[in-house]
Amino acid sequence: MIFTPKTGSFEGMKSMNRATILNMVRLEGPISRAQIAKRTKLTPPTVGTIVQELMEEDLLIEETGIGKIQGGRKPLMLSIHSSAFYAIGVYAAAEVVHTVIATLDGEIFMEKEERMQTPPPLEEFLQLLSRSVSFVIEESGAAPEKIIGIGVAMHGLVNSEEGTAIFSPHLQLENIPIQQHLEEKFSIPVLVENDVRTLTLAEGWYGEGQNISHFLCVSVGLGIGSGIVLDNTIYRGPVHSAGEIGHTVVDVSGPKCHCGNYGCLEAYASESSILEQTQRQLRFGKPSLLHEIAGDKELTMQHVYQAVAEKDPLAMEVAADAGRYLGIAIANITNMLSFSKIVLEGELFQVGDVILDPLRSMVEKRTLRSVRNATTIAISPLGKKGMVIGAFTLVIDQMFQAGTRQETKYKKSSSSLSS
C-alpha cells in the first residue's frame, strides 16, 4: 500500500504523509530514510521529522543495515515495531465466539473459543463478547494501554459507522450495540464489520487478495456472502448491504428462499440448502452411502463431505449442482464489475474438483471473453480463521491509514487495500 501525498490543510497533509511513510515501512521495510524520501517525493527534512515522531510513538524502530553509505557509515534501516502494540479480533459465528489478540504484523499469540446458545438473549450475547475480550487481555498479559483497538466481525447486516449489528439472522438479534457496549467496558476503540468483509480485508492483507486492486471474495457456509474490492477499497454501499450475492437470483422459477424471494443462490448452494436437497433425495429413496455414513444420526455436512470423498453419486451430484449455481452468480457479478481474481472461502470448497470444476466451467462459459481472460479463481489460504484475522486487521488497517494509533475510528473511506 503506497500512498501519495495530497494537498489540503497542513494537518491533513501531515496526516497523509505520516500514513504514507508508515505504510511504506510496513510493506517495504527495512527501508532507509533516503529511500523513503526518494520513493514518496517528500523532502528529506519532512521524512526525518515524521520518522522521529513515529519512533517516539513506538511505531517504528531502526537498526543498522547492510552495506555502507557516503562517509563509510552503515545505513539506519526502519521497520515497524510490530510487538509494541496489539489488536483484538472477535468473530461471532453461528454457535461460537472466537477471540484473538495479535501483534501489528498479524501474529496471533492468544486465542479463545466459547460456544453459545443459539439464538442467545441480547444481554447474554454482549456479556459473552466482553468476557471473551477480558480473557485474551488477561491471559496474554497485554497492557490495556498497548491495545490499539478491538475489531468485531458479525454475520448479517452491519452499520460500521455506528458500530451496530442491524440484524444477525443466525443469532436472531437486531440492533446490537456492540461498539457502545465494548467501549464502555474497556475504554478501547471498537470497530464492527460484516464477517465476509472482514474476511475480504484479511485476504487483501495476508491472502489471495494481496496486490490485487479488484477482487471478489465469496464465502459459503450456512449462508452465502461476498466482499467486493474496487480500486483497492472494500465497497459497502449506501445502506451497508453490498455483497449479498447469496440473494441474487439464479433461477426465476426456483424454490423460495428464507428472504422471501424465489430462486436465490442461497436456496441452491449454501450448506443449509445442500443438506435440505440431500435429505429430500434420501427421503425419495435414492440410493446413497449416506444411509450408512449417517446411520441413525441427523445428517450433517460432514456426512456429505465424507460421501463426496467416497465418490457417492448422490453427494457428488448435489455438490456439482451447487458449484454450477455458484458459477452462474459469480459470472454475473464478474461481468458487471470485472474482477482480476475470485477468492473462494468455505469448507464446501475443500471437496475439490467435484464442486470447483462445474463452478469454473460455468464462469468460463458465462463471462465475456475479455473478462474471462483477465480473471483467476483461487481458494482462500486463511480458512476458518479468515474472519477473526480480518476482525483485528480492521483495527490495524485503520491505524495505518490514519498514520497514528490515536485515531482508530470508522471512516467512510476505510479499508483501503492498495499496494
Protein backbone atom coordinates (compact mmCIF):
# COMPACT_ATOMS: atom_id res chain seq x y z
CA MET A 1 0.00 0.00 0.00
CA ILE A 2 1.81 3.13 -1.17
CA PHE A 3 0.01 6.40 -0.51
CA THR A 4 0.95 9.57 -2.35
CA PRO A 5 0.95 12.92 -0.58
CA LYS A 6 -2.18 15.02 -1.17
CA THR A 7 -2.74 18.72 -0.92
CA GLY A 8 -5.04 20.30 1.64
CA SER A 9 -4.69 21.71 5.15
CA PHE A 10 -1.35 21.47 6.91
CA GLU A 11 -2.69 18.93 9.41
CA GLY A 12 -4.34 16.95 6.62
CA MET A 13 -1.13 16.82 4.62
CA LYS A 14 0.88 15.86 7.68
CA SER A 15 -1.53 13.04 8.49
CA MET A 16 -1.38 11.77 4.91
CA ASN A 17 2.40 11.95 4.89
CA ARG A 18 2.59 10.02 8.15
CA ALA A 19 0.34 7.33 6.68
CA THR A 20 2.42 7.27 3.50
CA ILE A 21 5.65 6.70 5.41
CA LEU A 22 4.16 4.23 7.87
CA ASN A 23 2.71 2.08 5.10
CA MET A 24 5.87 2.19 3.03
CA VAL A 25 7.84 0.90 6.00
CA ARG A 26 5.21 -1.79 6.61
CA LEU A 27 5.36 -3.06 3.05
CA GLU A 28 8.99 -2.46 2.12
CA GLY A 29 10.87 -2.35 5.40
CA PRO A 30 13.59 -2.50 6.45
CA ILE A 31 13.99 0.73 4.48
CA SER A 32 16.15 3.83 4.94
CA ARG A 33 15.01 7.43 5.29
CA ALA A 34 16.71 8.26 2.00
CA GLN A 35 14.82 5.50 0.21
CA ILE A 36 11.53 6.75 1.66
CA ALA A 37 12.23 10.31 0.51
CA LYS A 38 13.12 9.12 -2.98
CA ARG A 39 10.03 6.95 -3.33
CA THR A 40 7.49 9.40 -1.85
CA LYS A 41 8.99 12.61 -3.29
CA LEU A 42 8.85 14.08 0.21
CA THR A 43 11.80 16.22 1.27
CA PRO A 44 14.44 14.57 3.48
CA PRO A 45 13.72 17.01 6.35
CA THR A 46 9.99 16.15 6.20
CA VAL A 47 10.75 12.44 6.20
CA GLY A 48 13.21 12.87 9.07
CA THR A 49 10.72 14.81 11.20
CA ILE A 50 7.87 12.34 10.66
CA VAL A 51 10.10 9.31 11.22
CA GLN A 52 11.30 10.81 14.51
CA GLU A 53 7.68 11.32 15.62
CA LEU A 54 6.75 7.76 14.68
CA MET A 55 9.76 6.41 16.57
CA GLU A 56 8.83 8.44 19.65
CA GLU A 57 5.34 6.92 19.43
CA ASP A 58 6.98 3.47 19.33
CA LEU A 59 5.52 2.68 15.91
CA LEU A 60 8.91 2.48 14.16
CA ILE A 61 12.25 1.07 15.18
CA GLU A 62 15.62 1.41 13.46
CA GLU A 63 18.53 -0.95 13.08
CA THR A 64 21.87 -0.88 11.31
CA GLY A 65 21.59 -2.07 7.73
CA ILE A 66 23.94 -3.91 5.41
CA GLY A 67 26.43 -2.06 3.24
CA LYS A 68 27.75 1.48 3.54
CA ILE A 69 26.60 4.95 2.61
CA GLN A 70 28.71 8.00 1.84
CA GLY A 71 31.26 8.54 4.61
CA GLY A 72 31.64 4.85 5.38
CA ARG A 73 28.71 4.59 7.80
CA LYS A 74 26.20 1.77 7.58
CA PRO A 75 22.66 2.94 6.81
CA LEU A 76 19.99 3.02 9.52
CA MET A 77 17.02 0.97 8.37
CA LEU A 78 13.46 1.43 9.58
CA SER A 79 10.93 -1.29 10.44
CA ILE A 80 7.51 -1.44 12.05
CA HIS A 81 7.74 -2.07 15.80
CA SER A 82 5.21 -4.86 15.46
CA SER A 83 5.31 -6.10 19.05
CA ALA A 84 4.87 -2.66 20.64
CA PHE A 85 1.08 -2.67 20.29
CA TYR A 86 -1.73 -5.18 19.92
CA ALA A 87 -5.13 -5.54 18.27
CA ILE A 88 -8.01 -7.76 19.37
CA GLY A 89 -10.26 -9.58 16.92
CA VAL A 90 -13.66 -11.10 17.73
CA TYR A 91 -15.70 -13.25 15.34
CA ALA A 92 -19.25 -14.06 16.40
CA ALA A 93 -20.18 -17.11 14.33
CA ALA A 94 -23.46 -19.02 14.44
CA GLU A 95 -22.64 -21.06 17.54
CA VAL A 96 -19.26 -19.86 18.78
CA VAL A 97 -17.38 -16.66 19.60
CA HIS A 98 -13.72 -16.76 18.52
CA THR A 99 -11.49 -14.11 20.10
CA VAL A 100 -7.79 -13.46 19.45
CA ILE A 101 -5.13 -10.91 20.25
CA ALA A 102 -2.38 -10.20 17.70
CA THR A 103 0.68 -8.05 17.10
CA LEU A 104 0.79 -5.36 14.41
CA ASP A 105 2.22 -7.83 11.89
CA GLY A 106 -0.79 -10.13 12.35
CA GLU A 107 0.81 -12.74 14.60
CA ILE A 108 -1.81 -14.28 16.90
CA PHE A 109 -0.40 -15.14 20.33
CA MET A 110 -3.53 -15.78 22.39
CA GLU A 111 -7.00 -17.00 21.41
CA LYS A 112 -10.19 -18.35 22.89
CA GLU A 113 -13.29 -20.05 21.51
CA GLU A 114 -16.50 -20.21 23.51
CA ARG A 115 -19.70 -21.85 22.40
CA MET A 116 -23.02 -20.12 22.90
CA GLN A 117 -26.69 -20.89 22.98
CA THR A 118 -28.35 -20.07 19.66
CA PRO A 119 -30.25 -17.84 19.48
CA PRO A 120 -28.87 -16.11 22.58
CA PRO A 121 -30.61 -13.38 24.61
CA LEU A 122 -29.13 -9.96 23.76
CA GLU A 123 -27.60 -9.28 27.17
CA GLU A 124 -26.12 -12.76 27.35
CA PHE A 125 -24.53 -12.29 23.92
CA LEU A 126 -23.00 -8.93 24.87
CA GLN A 127 -21.67 -10.39 28.12
CA LEU A 128 -20.10 -13.25 26.18
CA LEU A 129 -18.30 -10.76 23.92
CA SER A 130 -16.90 -8.77 26.84
CA ARG A 131 -15.99 -11.94 28.77
CA SER A 132 -14.03 -13.27 25.78
CA VAL A 133 -12.18 -9.97 25.32
CA SER A 134 -11.35 -9.86 29.04
CA PHE A 135 -9.96 -13.39 28.82
CA VAL A 136 -7.49 -12.72 26.00
CA ILE A 137 -6.32 -9.48 27.60
CA GLU A 138 -5.71 -11.10 30.98
CA GLU A 139 -4.21 -14.34 29.69
CA SER A 140 -1.93 -12.62 27.17
CA GLY A 141 -0.60 -10.18 29.75
CA ALA A 142 -1.05 -7.29 27.29
CA ALA A 143 -1.20 -3.90 28.97
CA PRO A 144 -4.55 -2.24 28.10
CA GLU A 145 -2.78 0.97 27.03
CA LYS A 146 -0.90 -1.07 24.41
CA ILE A 147 -4.12 -2.32 22.77
CA ILE A 148 -4.98 -0.04 19.85
CA GLY A 149 -8.49 -1.38 19.34
CA ILE A 150 -11.00 -4.20 19.15
CA GLY A 151 -12.43 -5.36 15.82
CA VAL A 152 -15.64 -7.39 15.73
CA ALA A 153 -16.83 -9.49 12.77
CA MET A 154 -20.58 -10.12 12.72
CA HIS A 155 -22.75 -12.20 10.41
CA GLY A 156 -25.54 -10.27 8.71
CA LEU A 157 -26.24 -6.59 8.16
CA VAL A 158 -23.84 -4.28 9.99
CA ASN A 159 -23.72 -0.49 10.29
CA SER A 160 -19.97 0.10 10.51
CA GLU A 161 -20.34 3.83 11.14
CA GLU A 162 -22.47 3.32 14.24
CA GLY A 163 -20.81 0.09 15.34
CA THR A 164 -24.06 -1.85 15.48
CA ALA A 165 -25.23 -5.16 14.06
CA ILE A 166 -28.53 -4.24 12.41
CA PHE A 167 -29.65 -7.83 12.00
CA SER A 168 -27.91 -11.16 12.54
CA PRO A 169 -30.01 -13.99 11.01
CA HIS A 170 -28.19 -16.88 12.72
CA LEU A 171 -28.36 -15.22 16.14
CA GLN A 172 -31.85 -13.81 15.55
CA LEU A 173 -30.81 -10.49 17.10
CA GLU A 174 -31.41 -6.93 15.91
CA ASN A 175 -29.75 -3.58 16.61
CA ILE A 176 -26.93 -4.99 18.74
CA PRO A 177 -24.95 -2.06 20.24
CA ILE A 178 -21.59 -3.83 20.06
CA GLN A 179 -19.34 -0.77 19.82
CA GLN A 180 -21.10 1.05 22.64
CA HIS A 181 -21.04 -1.98 24.92
CA LEU A 182 -17.37 -2.85 24.44
CA GLU A 183 -16.10 0.73 24.52
CA GLU A 184 -17.93 1.36 27.79
CA LYS A 185 -16.50 -1.85 29.20
CA PHE A 186 -12.86 -1.48 28.12
CA SER A 187 -12.33 2.19 27.12
CA ILE A 188 -10.68 0.91 23.94
CA PRO A 189 -11.78 1.92 20.39
CA VAL A 190 -14.07 -0.65 18.75
CA LEU A 191 -14.81 -1.28 15.06
CA VAL A 192 -17.63 -3.53 13.87
CA GLU A 193 -17.98 -5.02 10.38
CA ASN A 194 -19.78 -7.72 8.43
CA ASP A 195 -17.87 -11.01 8.69
CA VAL A 196 -17.37 -11.55 4.95
CA ARG A 197 -15.98 -8.03 4.61
CA THR A 198 -13.51 -8.71 7.40
CA LEU A 199 -12.53 -11.90 5.55
CA THR A 200 -12.07 -9.81 2.41
CA LEU A 201 -9.85 -7.37 4.28
CA ALA A 202 -7.78 -10.26 5.61
CA GLU A 203 -7.39 -11.64 2.08
CA GLY A 204 -6.16 -8.23 0.93
CA TRP A 205 -3.56 -8.04 3.70
CA TYR A 206 -2.41 -11.64 4.06
CA GLY A 207 -4.11 -13.88 1.49
CA GLU A 208 -5.05 -14.21 -2.16
CA GLY A 209 -6.04 -10.53 -2.47
CA GLN A 210 -2.56 -9.14 -1.88
CA ASN A 211 -1.52 -6.72 -4.63
CA ILE A 212 -4.93 -7.11 -6.34
CA SER A 213 -6.90 -3.88 -6.82
CA HIS A 214 -10.17 -5.51 -7.96
CA PHE A 215 -11.26 -8.81 -6.46
CA LEU A 216 -14.32 -10.64 -5.19
CA CYS A 217 -14.29 -12.81 -2.07
CA VAL A 218 -17.14 -15.35 -1.86
CA SER A 219 -17.81 -17.17 1.41
CA VAL A 220 -20.11 -20.20 1.58
CA GLY A 221 -21.43 -21.56 4.87
CA LEU A 222 -24.92 -21.63 6.32
CA GLY A 223 -25.45 -18.63 4.05
CA ILE A 224 -23.53 -17.12 1.14
CA GLY A 225 -21.94 -13.68 1.17
CA SER A 226 -19.28 -11.77 -0.70
CA GLY A 227 -16.86 -8.91 -0.22
CA ILE A 228 -16.27 -6.57 -3.15
CA VAL A 229 -12.96 -4.75 -3.64
CA LEU A 230 -12.94 -1.99 -6.26
CA ASP A 231 -9.91 0.24 -6.78
CA ASN A 232 -8.29 -1.15 -3.62
CA THR A 233 -11.28 -0.29 -1.43
CA ILE A 234 -13.93 -2.54 0.09
CA TYR A 235 -17.30 -1.43 -1.25
CA ARG A 236 -20.12 -1.37 1.32
CA GLY A 237 -22.87 0.52 -0.46
CA PRO A 238 -25.05 3.33 0.94
CA VAL A 239 -27.02 1.03 3.27
CA HIS A 240 -24.18 -1.37 4.15
CA SER A 241 -25.67 -4.25 2.15
CA ALA A 242 -23.30 -4.55 -0.81
CA GLY A 243 -22.09 -8.08 -1.46
CA GLU A 244 -25.30 -10.03 -0.78
CA ILE A 245 -24.54 -12.42 -3.62
CA GLY A 246 -26.50 -15.13 -1.83
CA HIS A 247 -29.69 -13.25 -2.65
CA THR A 248 -29.04 -12.76 -6.33
CA VAL A 249 -31.46 -14.80 -8.42
CA VAL A 250 -30.03 -17.74 -10.36
CA ASP A 251 -33.38 -19.33 -11.29
CA VAL A 252 -36.57 -17.25 -11.56
CA SER A 253 -38.64 -20.42 -11.14
CA GLY A 254 -36.59 -21.68 -8.22
CA PRO A 255 -37.57 -22.54 -4.66
CA LYS A 256 -38.48 -19.95 -2.06
CA CYS A 257 -35.55 -18.51 -0.12
CA HIS A 258 -35.73 -17.62 3.57
CA CYS A 259 -35.54 -13.96 2.50
CA GLY A 260 -38.96 -14.34 0.84
CA ASN A 261 -37.74 -14.22 -2.75
CA TYR A 262 -37.57 -17.16 -5.16
CA GLY A 263 -34.56 -18.75 -6.84
CA CYS A 264 -31.83 -17.11 -4.74
CA LEU A 265 -28.32 -18.56 -4.85
CA GLU A 266 -28.57 -19.46 -1.16
CA ALA A 267 -31.53 -21.72 -1.95
CA TYR A 268 -29.21 -23.81 -4.16
CA ALA A 269 -25.64 -23.60 -2.90
CA SER A 270 -25.50 -22.80 0.82
CA GLU A 271 -24.66 -25.59 3.25
CA SER A 272 -28.20 -25.50 4.62
CA SER A 273 -29.73 -25.85 1.15
CA ILE A 274 -27.32 -28.65 0.20
CA LEU A 275 -28.37 -30.54 3.32
CA GLU A 276 -32.04 -29.94 2.54
CA GLN A 277 -31.68 -31.14 -1.06
CA THR A 278 -29.73 -34.22 0.03
CA GLN A 279 -32.28 -35.12 2.69
CA ARG A 280 -35.09 -34.75 0.16
CA GLN A 281 -33.39 -37.15 -2.25
CA LEU A 282 -32.82 -39.66 0.55
CA ARG A 283 -36.49 -39.48 1.55
CA PHE A 284 -37.41 -40.23 -2.06
CA GLY A 285 -35.42 -43.44 -1.70
CA LYS A 286 -32.42 -42.52 -3.82
CA PRO A 287 -29.56 -44.99 -3.11
CA SER A 288 -26.60 -43.45 -1.32
CA LEU A 289 -23.72 -44.26 1.01
CA LEU A 290 -25.17 -41.58 3.25
CA HIS A 291 -27.59 -44.11 4.69
CA GLU A 292 -24.59 -45.98 6.11
CA ILE A 293 -22.42 -42.93 6.85
CA ALA A 294 -25.07 -41.07 8.86
CA GLY A 295 -26.78 -44.12 10.30
CA ASP A 296 -29.37 -43.11 12.88
CA LYS A 297 -27.77 -39.68 13.38
CA GLU A 298 -29.06 -36.43 11.94
CA LEU A 299 -27.47 -35.74 8.56
CA THR A 300 -24.70 -33.12 8.66
CA MET A 301 -22.42 -31.50 6.12
CA GLN A 302 -19.56 -33.62 7.46
CA HIS A 303 -21.51 -36.68 6.35
CA VAL A 304 -21.98 -35.15 2.91
CA TYR A 305 -18.26 -34.30 2.63
CA GLN A 306 -17.35 -37.85 3.59
CA ALA A 307 -19.77 -39.20 1.00
CA VAL A 308 -18.21 -36.97 -1.68
CA ALA A 309 -14.75 -38.23 -0.69
CA GLU A 310 -16.04 -41.78 -1.14
CA LYS A 311 -17.48 -40.80 -4.55
CA ASP A 312 -21.10 -41.30 -3.60
CA PRO A 313 -23.17 -40.40 -6.72
CA LEU A 314 -25.88 -38.51 -4.81
CA ALA A 315 -23.46 -36.40 -2.76
CA MET A 316 -21.35 -35.65 -5.84
CA GLU A 317 -24.43 -34.64 -7.83
CA VAL A 318 -25.66 -32.21 -5.17
CA ALA A 319 -22.15 -30.71 -4.75
CA ALA A 320 -21.75 -30.31 -8.52
CA ASP A 321 -25.13 -28.57 -8.77
CA ALA A 322 -24.06 -26.15 -6.04
CA GLY A 323 -20.87 -25.44 -7.99
CA ARG A 324 -22.82 -24.68 -11.16
CA TYR A 325 -25.14 -22.23 -9.43
CA LEU A 326 -22.23 -20.54 -7.69
CA GLY A 327 -20.55 -20.22 -11.09
CA ILE A 328 -23.65 -18.55 -12.56
CA ALA A 329 -23.80 -15.96 -9.76
CA ILE A 330 -20.05 -15.29 -9.87
CA ALA A 331 -20.14 -14.91 -13.66
CA ASN A 332 -22.98 -12.39 -13.43
CA ILE A 333 -21.26 -10.13 -10.94
CA THR A 334 -17.89 -10.50 -12.70
CA ASN A 335 -19.39 -9.37 -16.00
CA MET A 336 -20.72 -6.29 -14.21
CA LEU A 337 -17.66 -5.30 -12.19
CA SER A 338 -14.69 -7.02 -13.88
CA PHE A 339 -12.59 -8.61 -11.14
CA SER A 340 -8.99 -9.74 -11.55
CA LYS A 341 -9.46 -12.54 -9.03
CA ILE A 342 -12.24 -14.51 -7.38
CA VAL A 343 -11.35 -15.83 -3.91
CA LEU A 344 -13.47 -18.70 -2.57
CA GLU A 345 -13.79 -19.46 1.15
CA GLY A 346 -15.70 -22.19 2.91
CA GLU A 347 -15.37 -25.82 3.91
CA LEU A 348 -17.51 -26.71 0.90
CA PHE A 349 -14.61 -25.95 -1.44
CA GLN A 350 -12.39 -28.49 0.28
CA VAL A 351 -14.22 -31.27 -1.58
CA GLY A 352 -12.13 -30.14 -4.54
CA ASP A 353 -12.87 -30.59 -8.22
CA VAL A 354 -16.33 -32.06 -7.63
CA ILE A 355 -17.55 -28.53 -6.94
CA LEU A 356 -14.73 -26.46 -8.46
CA ASP A 357 -14.84 -27.93 -11.97
CA PRO A 358 -18.52 -27.08 -12.60
CA LEU A 359 -18.02 -23.69 -10.93
CA ARG A 360 -15.04 -22.80 -13.13
CA SER A 361 -16.79 -24.19 -16.21
CA MET A 362 -19.84 -22.01 -15.62
CA VAL A 363 -17.73 -18.90 -15.02
CA GLU A 364 -15.82 -19.58 -18.23
CA LYS A 365 -18.97 -20.12 -20.27
CA ARG A 366 -20.92 -17.16 -18.93
CA THR A 367 -18.35 -14.37 -18.67
CA LEU A 368 -17.35 -12.12 -21.55
CA ARG A 369 -14.10 -13.17 -23.20
CA SER A 370 -12.24 -10.02 -22.18
CA VAL A 371 -13.32 -10.52 -18.57
CA ARG A 372 -12.70 -14.28 -18.60
CA ASN A 373 -9.14 -13.91 -19.84
CA ALA A 374 -8.32 -11.44 -17.06
CA THR A 375 -9.88 -13.33 -14.14
CA THR A 376 -8.44 -16.11 -12.00
CA ILE A 377 -10.11 -18.21 -9.30
CA ALA A 378 -8.36 -19.19 -6.06
CA ILE A 379 -9.17 -20.85 -2.74
CA SER A 380 -8.61 -18.76 0.40
CA PRO A 381 -5.47 -19.85 2.26
CA LEU A 382 -6.79 -18.39 5.52
CA GLY A 383 -9.52 -20.95 6.08
CA LYS A 384 -11.81 -20.74 9.10
CA LYS A 385 -9.62 -18.11 10.77
CA GLY A 386 -10.10 -15.61 7.96
CA MET A 387 -12.98 -13.78 9.65
CA VAL A 388 -11.25 -13.31 13.00
CA ILE A 389 -7.97 -12.36 11.28
CA GLY A 390 -9.94 -9.75 9.37
CA ALA A 391 -11.53 -8.54 12.61
CA PHE A 392 -8.23 -7.50 14.19
CA THR A 393 -6.97 -6.30 10.81
CA LEU A 394 -9.83 -3.75 10.80
CA VAL A 395 -8.07 -2.05 13.69
CA ILE A 396 -4.55 -2.34 12.28
CA ASP A 397 -5.73 -1.12 8.86
CA GLN A 398 -7.31 1.99 10.38
CA MET A 399 -4.16 2.78 12.32
CA PHE A 400 -2.01 2.58 9.20
CA GLN A 401 -4.46 4.73 7.25
CA ALA A 402 -4.53 7.38 9.96
CA GLY A 403 -0.77 7.30 10.47
CA THR A 404 -1.27 7.19 14.23
CA ARG A 405 -2.63 4.79 16.82
CA GLN A 406 -4.78 7.57 18.30
CA GLU A 407 -7.44 7.59 15.55
CA THR A 408 -8.84 4.07 15.36
CA LYS A 409 -12.36 5.03 14.27
CA TYR A 410 -14.54 4.03 11.35
CA LYS A 411 -14.14 6.17 8.24
CA LYS A 412 -16.26 6.07 5.10
CA SER A 413 -13.08 5.66 3.05
CA SER A 414 -11.81 2.89 5.31
CA SER A 415 -10.36 -0.49 4.42
CA SER A 416 -8.02 0.61 1.65
CA LEU A 417 -6.15 -2.34 0.18
CA SER A 418 -3.89 -0.55 -2.29
CA SER A 419 -0.45 -1.95 -2.67
